[in-house]
Amino acid sequence: MQLPYFLLSLLLTPVLASQSEQIPMAIPNEDYVPQVSSKPSLADLLTIESSASIFYSYARELELSRGLSQRDMKMTLFVPTNKAVMALARKPHQDSKPSGEDGIEISEQEYERNSKSNVERWVSAHIVPGAPIPLTGTQQTLYPSKYISFKPVSSKIKNPEWNQVTLESGIHILSKKEASNGDLYIIDGTIIPDGTELD
């Protein structure tokens, strides 16, 4: 019977510690001001947008993904649906020629490096710096040589602006969500960086 009382005293010891032994969680003379925003960040929206989970899983691998949660870094994302990414014959991380097809074998490190570079190029082609942006003409993406072009397809005043255009020769915008650090457009196709073919 002595053992349960001993265990109980061990559990209560941290609770009964003197105030001088306790580590304060906040500085006593400093007011706590929580960071509050009426809108979620782009990272928050991508986390809950199940139809775009493949794009976000690729984007999270990259350094540029830190900007998706920074409130002072404005971006516009054109995020393909999972269905659009799955329809690609060659996935964003894959090279245009499969390893070993031309008789040249590459190391695992080189394969990883190439895969990361391919993913960065593909994700960057879906991001336009700044927000909001006009959905007219062309907009330069984070991938230096890639511009997204917009084409008007409808002039119905009751439709939102994003519903009146296509991009990149027929890709439709399915929805728009506003974040504290930019805009997120869900699209029914993928944007291909110049000089590469994924289809």
C-alpha atoms as a PDB file:
ATOM      1  CA  MET A   1       0.000   0.000   0.000  1.00  0.00           C
ATOM      2  CA  GLN A   2       2.941   2.328   0.498  1.00  0.00           C
ATOM      3  CA  LEU A   3       3.796   2.243  -3.215  1.00  0.00           C
ATOM      4  CA  PRO A   4       0.614   4.029  -4.477  1.00  0.00           C
ATOM      5  CA  TYR A   5       1.129   6.890  -1.953  1.00  0.00           C
ATOM      6  CA  PHE A   6       4.731   7.201  -3.065  1.00  0.00           C
ATOM      7  CA  LEU A   7       3.699   7.380  -6.746  1.00  0.00           C
ATOM      8  CA  LEU A   8       1.033   9.953  -5.920  1.00  0.00           C
ATOM      9  CA  SER A   9       3.578  12.130  -4.142  1.00  0.00           C
ATOM     10  CA  LEU A  10       5.867  11.932  -7.187  1.00  0.00           C
ATOM     11  CA  LEU A  11       3.046  13.097  -9.426  1.00  0.00           C
ATOM     12  CA  LEU A  12       2.171  16.027  -7.149  1.00  0.00           C
ATOM     13  CA  THR A  13       5.743  17.219  -6.571  1.00  0.00           C
ATOM     14  CA  PRO A  14       5.932  19.329  -9.781  1.00  0.00           C
ATOM     15  CA  VAL A  15       2.559  20.892  -8.984  1.00  0.00           C
ATOM     16  CA  LEU A  16       3.623  21.837  -5.472  1.00  0.00           C
ATOM     17  CA  ALA A  17       6.964  23.368  -6.504  1.00  0.00           C
ATOM     18  CA  SER A  18       7.684  26.817  -5.108  1.00  0.00           C
ATOM     19  CA  GLN A  19       7.094  29.841  -7.307  1.00  0.00           C
ATOM     20  CA  SER A  20      10.825  30.580  -7.446  1.00  0.00           C
ATOM     21  CA  GLU A  21      11.404  27.158  -9.013  1.00  0.00           C
ATOM     22  CA  GLN A  22       8.751  27.582 -11.697  1.00  0.00           C
ATOM     23  CA  ILE A  23       9.598  28.870 -15.167  1.00  0.00           C
ATOM     24  CA  PRO A  24       7.218  31.632 -16.290  1.00  0.00           C
ATOM     25  CA  MET A  25       5.608  31.145 -19.711  1.00  0.00           C
ATOM     26  CA  ALA A  26       5.315  34.881 -20.400  1.00  0.00           C
ATOM     27  CA  ILE A  27       7.276  37.930 -19.318  1.00  0.00           C
ATOM     28  CA  PRO A  28       5.350  39.448 -16.357  1.00  0.00           C
ATOM     29  CA  ASN A  29       5.556  43.143 -17.359  1.00  0.00           C
ATOM     30  CA  GLU A  30       4.820  42.599 -21.029  1.00  0.00           C
ATOM     31  CA  ASP A  31       1.297  42.510 -22.422  1.00  0.00           C
ATOM     32  CA  TYR A  32       0.499  39.503 -24.559  1.00  0.00           C
ATOM     33  CA  VAL A  33      -0.870  40.479 -27.941  1.00  0.00           C
ATOM     34  CA  PRO A  34      -2.030  37.496 -29.990  1.00  0.00           C
ATOM     35  CA  GLN A  35      -1.576  37.651 -33.747  1.00  0.00           C
ATOM     36  CA  VAL A  36      -5.051  37.624 -35.157  1.00  0.00           C
ATOM     37  CA  SER A  37      -6.135  37.681 -38.774  1.00  0.00           C
ATOM     38  CA  SER A  38      -9.613  37.585 -40.182  1.00  0.00           C
ATOM     39  CA  LYS A  39      -8.396  35.436 -43.076  1.00  0.00           C
ATOM     40  CA  PRO A  40      -6.297  32.268 -43.173  1.00  0.00           C
ATOM     41  CA  SER A  41      -2.918  32.215 -44.915  1.00  0.00           C
ATOM     42  CA  LEU A  42      -2.342  30.524 -48.272  1.00  0.00           C
ATOM     43  CA  ALA A  43      -0.732  27.628 -46.381  1.00  0.00           C
ATOM     44  CA  ASP A  44      -3.862  27.298 -44.235  1.00  0.00           C
ATOM     45  CA  LEU A  45      -6.110  27.244 -47.312  1.00  0.00           C
ATOM     46  CA  LEU A  46      -3.936  24.640 -49.033  1.00  0.00           C
ATOM     47  CA  THR A  47      -3.981  22.490 -45.912  1.00  0.00           C
ATOM     48  CA  ILE A  48      -7.774  22.278 -45.896  1.00  0.00           C
ATOM     49  CA  GLU A  49      -8.266  22.181 -49.685  1.00  0.00           C
ATOM     50  CA  SER A  50      -8.404  18.425 -50.252  1.00  0.00           C
ATOM     51  CA  SER A  51      -8.827  18.783 -54.029  1.00  0.00           C
ATOM     52  CA  ALA A  52      -5.350  20.382 -54.230  1.00  0.00           C
ATOM     53  CA  SER A  53      -3.416  18.142 -51.850  1.00  0.00           C
ATOM     54  CA  ILE A  54      -0.991  16.840 -54.497  1.00  0.00           C
ATOM     55  CA  PHE A  55       0.140  20.355 -55.454  1.00  0.00           C
ATOM     56  CA  TYR A  56       0.626  21.255 -51.792  1.00  0.00           C
ATOM     57  CA  SER A  57       2.611  18.094 -51.101  1.00  0.00           C
ATOM     58  CA  TYR A  58       5.000  19.087 -53.908  1.00  0.00           C
ATOM     59  CA  ALA A  59       5.132  22.733 -52.741  1.00  0.00           C
ATOM     60  CA  ARG A  60       5.901  21.809 -49.111  1.00  0.00           C
ATOM     61  CA  GLU A  61       9.173  20.197 -50.243  1.00  0.00           C
ATOM     62  CA  LEU A  62      10.511  23.575 -51.370  1.00  0.00           C
ATOM     63  CA  GLU A  63      12.032  26.589 -49.646  1.00  0.00           C
ATOM     64  CA  LEU A  64       9.496  28.870 -51.328  1.00  0.00           C
ATOM     65  CA  SER A  65       6.711  27.190 -49.327  1.00  0.00           C
ATOM     66  CA  ARG A  66       7.685  29.305 -46.313  1.00  0.00           C
ATOM     67  CA  GLY A  67       6.218  32.291 -48.135  1.00  0.00           C
ATOM     68  CA  LEU A  68       2.819  30.589 -48.172  1.00  0.00           C
ATOM     69  CA  SER A  69       2.401  31.308 -44.464  1.00  0.00           C
ATOM     70  CA  GLN A  70       4.109  34.713 -44.268  1.00  0.00           C
ATOM     71  CA  ARG A  71       1.480  37.432 -44.061  1.00  0.00           C
ATOM     72  CA  ASP A  72       3.735  40.123 -45.538  1.00  0.00           C
ATOM     73  CA  MET A  73       4.576  38.117 -48.682  1.00  0.00           C
ATOM     74  CA  LYS A  74       1.725  38.465 -51.180  1.00  0.00           C
ATOM     75  CA  MET A  75       1.304  35.744 -53.825  1.00  0.00           C
ATOM     76  CA  THR A  76      -1.290  34.524 -56.282  1.00  0.00           C
ATOM     77  CA  LEU A  77      -1.459  30.753 -56.669  1.00  0.00           C
ATOM     78  CA  PHE A  78      -3.002  28.872 -59.586  1.00  0.00           C
ATOM     79  CA  VAL A  79      -3.365  25.437 -58.043  1.00  0.00           C
ATOM     80  CA  PRO A  80      -4.253  22.429 -60.210  1.00  0.00           C
ATOM     81  CA  THR A  81      -6.734  19.903 -58.901  1.00  0.00           C
ATOM     82  CA  ASN A  82      -5.504  16.454 -57.944  1.00  0.00           C
ATOM     83  CA  LYS A  83      -7.313  15.119 -61.014  1.00  0.00           C
ATOM     84  CA  ALA A  84      -5.338  17.474 -63.295  1.00  0.00           C
ATOM     85  CA  VAL A  85      -2.009  16.412 -61.773  1.00  0.00           C
ATOM     86  CA  MET A  86      -2.924  12.719 -61.970  1.00  0.00           C
ATOM     87  CA  ALA A  87      -3.755  13.137 -65.677  1.00  0.00           C
ATOM     88  CA  LEU A  88      -0.162  14.141 -66.493  1.00  0.00           C
ATOM     89  CA  ALA A  89       1.738  11.471 -68.399  1.00  0.00           C
ATOM     90  CA  ARG A  90       4.933  12.572 -66.667  1.00  0.00           C
ATOM     91  CA  LYS A  91       4.642  13.735 -63.077  1.00  0.00           C
ATOM     92  CA  PRO A  92       6.201  17.057 -61.990  1.00  0.00           C
ATOM     93  CA  HIS A  93       9.199  15.434 -60.270  1.00  0.00           C
ATOM     94  CA  GLN A  94      10.134  13.243 -63.253  1.00  0.00           C
ATOM     95  CA  ASP A  95      12.713  14.090 -65.921  1.00  0.00           C
ATOM     96  CA  SER A  96      11.764  14.232 -69.582  1.00  0.00           C
ATOM     97  CA  LYS A  97      13.835  11.071 -70.162  1.00  0.00           C
ATOM     98  CA  PRO A  98      13.520   8.275 -67.617  1.00  0.00           C
ATOM     99  CA  SER A  99      16.784   7.376 -65.900  1.00  0.00           C
ATOM    100  CA  GLY A 100      18.697   4.724 -67.790  1.00  0.00           C
ATOM    101  CA  GLU A 101      16.644   5.012 -70.987  1.00  0.00           C
ATOM    102  CA  ASP A 102      19.596   6.392 -72.942  1.00  0.00           C
ATOM    103  CA  GLY A 103      22.046   3.940 -71.361  1.00  0.00           C
ATOM    104  CA  ILE A 104      23.327   6.464 -68.814  1.00  0.00           C
ATOM    105  CA  GLU A 105      22.731   5.627 -65.167  1.00  0.00           C
ATOM    106  CA  ILE A 106      22.614   8.413 -62.586  1.00  0.00           C
ATOM    107  CA  SER A 107      23.274   8.242 -58.857  1.00  0.00           C
ATOM    108  CA  GLU A 108      20.479   8.434 -56.311  1.00  0.00           C
ATOM    109  CA  GLN A 109      21.743  11.870 -55.181  1.00  0.00           C
ATOM    110  CA  GLU A 110      21.647  13.178 -58.744  1.00  0.00           C
ATOM    111  CA  TYR A 111      18.155  11.741 -59.203  1.00  0.00           C
ATOM    112  CA  GLU A 112      17.000  13.491 -55.992  1.00  0.00           C
ATOM    113  CA  ARG A 113      18.607  16.767 -57.100  1.00  0.00           C
ATOM    114  CA  ASN A 114      16.948  16.557 -60.534  1.00  0.00           C
ATOM    115  CA  SER A 115      13.583  15.692 -58.985  1.00  0.00           C
ATOM    116  CA  LYS A 116      13.747  18.672 -56.624  1.00  0.00           C
ATOM    117  CA  SER A 117      14.726  20.987 -59.472  1.00  0.00           C
ATOM    118  CA  ASN A 118      11.841  19.706 -61.616  1.00  0.00           C
ATOM    119  CA  VAL A 119       9.361  20.190 -58.752  1.00  0.00           C
ATOM    120  CA  GLU A 120      10.637  23.708 -58.057  1.00  0.00           C
ATOM    121  CA  ARG A 121      10.296  24.644 -61.732  1.00  0.00           C
ATOM    122  CA  TRP A 122       6.754  23.209 -61.894  1.00  0.00           C
ATOM    123  CA  VAL A 123       5.491  24.750 -58.629  1.00  0.00           C
ATOM    124  CA  SER A 124       7.088  28.137 -59.458  1.00  0.00           C
ATOM    125  CA  ALA A 125       5.211  28.197 -62.773  1.00  0.00           C
ATOM    126  CA  HIS A 126       1.928  28.158 -60.788  1.00  0.00           C
ATOM    127  CA  ILE A 127       2.779  31.153 -58.563  1.00  0.00           C
ATOM    128  CA  VAL A 128       2.594  34.832 -59.511  1.00  0.00           C
ATOM    129  CA  PRO A 129       4.270  37.257 -57.096  1.00  0.00           C
ATOM    130  CA  GLY A 130       1.867  39.840 -55.698  1.00  0.00           C
ATOM    131  CA  ALA A 131      -1.847  39.897 -55.020  1.00  0.00           C
ATOM    132  CA  PRO A 132      -4.367  40.797 -56.151  1.00  0.00           C
ATOM    133  CA  ILE A 133      -3.400  40.660 -59.824  1.00  0.00           C
ATOM    134  CA  PRO A 134      -5.437  41.536 -62.909  1.00  0.00           C
ATOM    135  CA  LEU A 135      -6.559  38.458 -64.834  1.00  0.00           C
ATOM    136  CA  THR A 136      -5.758  40.051 -68.186  1.00  0.00           C
ATOM    137  CA  GLY A 137      -2.865  39.876 -70.630  1.00  0.00           C
ATOM    138  CA  THR A 138       0.097  38.016 -69.190  1.00  0.00           C
ATOM    139  CA  GLN A 139       1.558  37.726 -65.705  1.00  0.00           C
ATOM    140  CA  GLN A 140       5.104  36.620 -64.896  1.00  0.00           C
ATOM    141  CA  THR A 141       5.392  33.662 -62.540  1.00  0.00           C
ATOM    142  CA  LEU A 142       8.124  32.900 -60.010  1.00  0.00           C
ATOM    143  CA  TYR A 143       9.709  30.712 -62.685  1.00  0.00           C
ATOM    144  CA  PRO A 144      11.759  33.382 -64.515  1.00  0.00           C
ATOM    145  CA  SER A 145      10.933  32.495 -68.126  1.00  0.00           C
ATOM    146  CA  LYS A 146       7.272  31.595 -67.590  1.00  0.00           C
ATOM    147  CA  TYR A 147       4.345  33.948 -68.111  1.00  0.00           C
ATOM    148  CA  ILE A 148       0.717  32.940 -67.622  1.00  0.00           C
ATOM    149  CA  SER A 149      -1.586  34.283 -70.313  1.00  0.00           C
ATOM    150  CA  PHE A 150      -5.276  35.034 -69.763  1.00  0.00           C
ATOM    151  CA  LYS A 151      -7.999  35.010 -72.394  1.00  0.00           C
ATOM    152  CA  PRO A 152     -11.528  36.378 -71.885  1.00  0.00           C
ATOM    153  CA  VAL A 153     -14.248  33.793 -72.553  1.00  0.00           C
ATOM    154  CA  SER A 154     -17.333  35.364 -71.019  1.00  0.00           C
ATOM    155  CA  SER A 155     -18.524  38.866 -70.342  1.00  0.00           C
ATOM    156  CA  LYS A 156     -21.499  38.066 -68.146  1.00  0.00           C
ATOM    157  CA  ILE A 157     -21.508  40.798 -65.554  1.00  0.00           C
ATOM    158  CA  LYS A 158     -23.041  38.557 -62.896  1.00  0.00           C
ATOM    159  CA  ASN A 159     -20.063  36.156 -63.108  1.00  0.00           C
ATOM    160  CA  PRO A 160     -16.999  36.951 -60.983  1.00  0.00           C
ATOM    161  CA  GLU A 161     -13.920  38.144 -62.899  1.00  0.00           C
ATOM    162  CA  TRP A 162     -12.113  34.815 -62.436  1.00  0.00           C
ATOM    163  CA  ASN A 163     -15.025  32.988 -64.076  1.00  0.00           C
ATOM    164  CA  GLN A 164     -14.755  35.123 -67.221  1.00  0.00           C
ATOM    165  CA  VAL A 165     -11.268  34.016 -68.313  1.00  0.00           C
ATOM    166  CA  THR A 166      -9.223  30.947 -69.159  1.00  0.00           C
ATOM    167  CA  LEU A 167      -5.482  30.695 -68.840  1.00  0.00           C
ATOM    168  CA  GLU A 168      -2.813  28.911 -70.813  1.00  0.00           C
ATOM    169  CA  SER A 169      -4.972  27.929 -73.789  1.00  0.00           C
ATOM    170  CA  GLY A 170      -8.116  26.726 -72.113  1.00  0.00           C
ATOM    171  CA  ILE A 171      -7.455  26.009 -68.443  1.00  0.00           C
ATOM    172  CA  HIS A 172     -10.528  27.051 -66.456  1.00  0.00           C
ATOM    173  CA  ILE A 173     -10.530  28.597 -63.018  1.00  0.00           C
ATOM    174  CA  LEU A 174     -12.917  26.582 -60.854  1.00  0.00           C
ATOM    175  CA  SER A 175     -12.895  28.685 -57.695  1.00  0.00           C
ATOM    176  CA  LYS A 176     -11.173  31.509 -55.882  1.00  0.00           C
ATOM    177  CA  LYS A 177     -10.293  31.837 -52.207  1.00  0.00           C
ATOM    178  CA  GLU A 178      -8.811  34.905 -50.565  1.00  0.00           C
ATOM    179  CA  ALA A 179      -6.075  34.570 -47.976  1.00  0.00           C
ATOM    180  CA  SER A 180      -4.370  37.064 -45.701  1.00  0.00           C
ATOM    181  CA  ASN A 181      -1.292  36.889 -47.930  1.00  0.00           C
ATOM    182  CA  GLY A 182      -2.765  36.448 -51.406  1.00  0.00           C
ATOM    183  CA  ASP A 183      -5.276  34.711 -53.616  1.00  0.00           C
ATOM    184  CA  LEU A 184      -5.729  31.021 -54.367  1.00  0.00           C
ATOM    185  CA  TYR A 185      -7.312  29.944 -57.652  1.00  0.00           C
ATOM    186  CA  ILE A 186      -8.171  26.278 -58.176  1.00  0.00           C
ATOM    187  CA  ILE A 187      -7.677  25.364 -61.857  1.00  0.00           C
ATOM    188  CA  ASP A 188      -8.686  22.342 -63.928  1.00  0.00           C
ATOM    189  CA  GLY A 189      -5.324  21.906 -65.658  1.00  0.00           C
ATOM    190  CA  THR A 190      -1.618  22.333 -65.015  1.00  0.00           C
ATOM    191  CA  ILE A 191       0.708  25.102 -66.099  1.00  0.00           C
ATOM    192  CA  ILE A 192       3.729  23.736 -67.916  1.00  0.00           C
ATOM    193  CA  PRO A 193       7.025  25.611 -67.511  1.00  0.00           C
ATOM    194  CA  ASP A 194       8.481  26.758 -70.846  1.00  0.00           C
ATOM    195  CA  GLY A 195      10.781  24.278 -72.497  1.00  0.00           C
ATOM    196  CA  THR A 196       9.350  21.237 -70.755  1.00  0.00           C
ATOM    197  CA  GLU A 197       6.578  18.853 -71.602  1.00  0.00           C
ATOM    198  CA  LEU A 198       4.606  16.998 -68.962  1.00  0.00           C
ATOM    199  CA  ASP A 199       1.620  16.020 -71.095  1.00  0.00           C
END
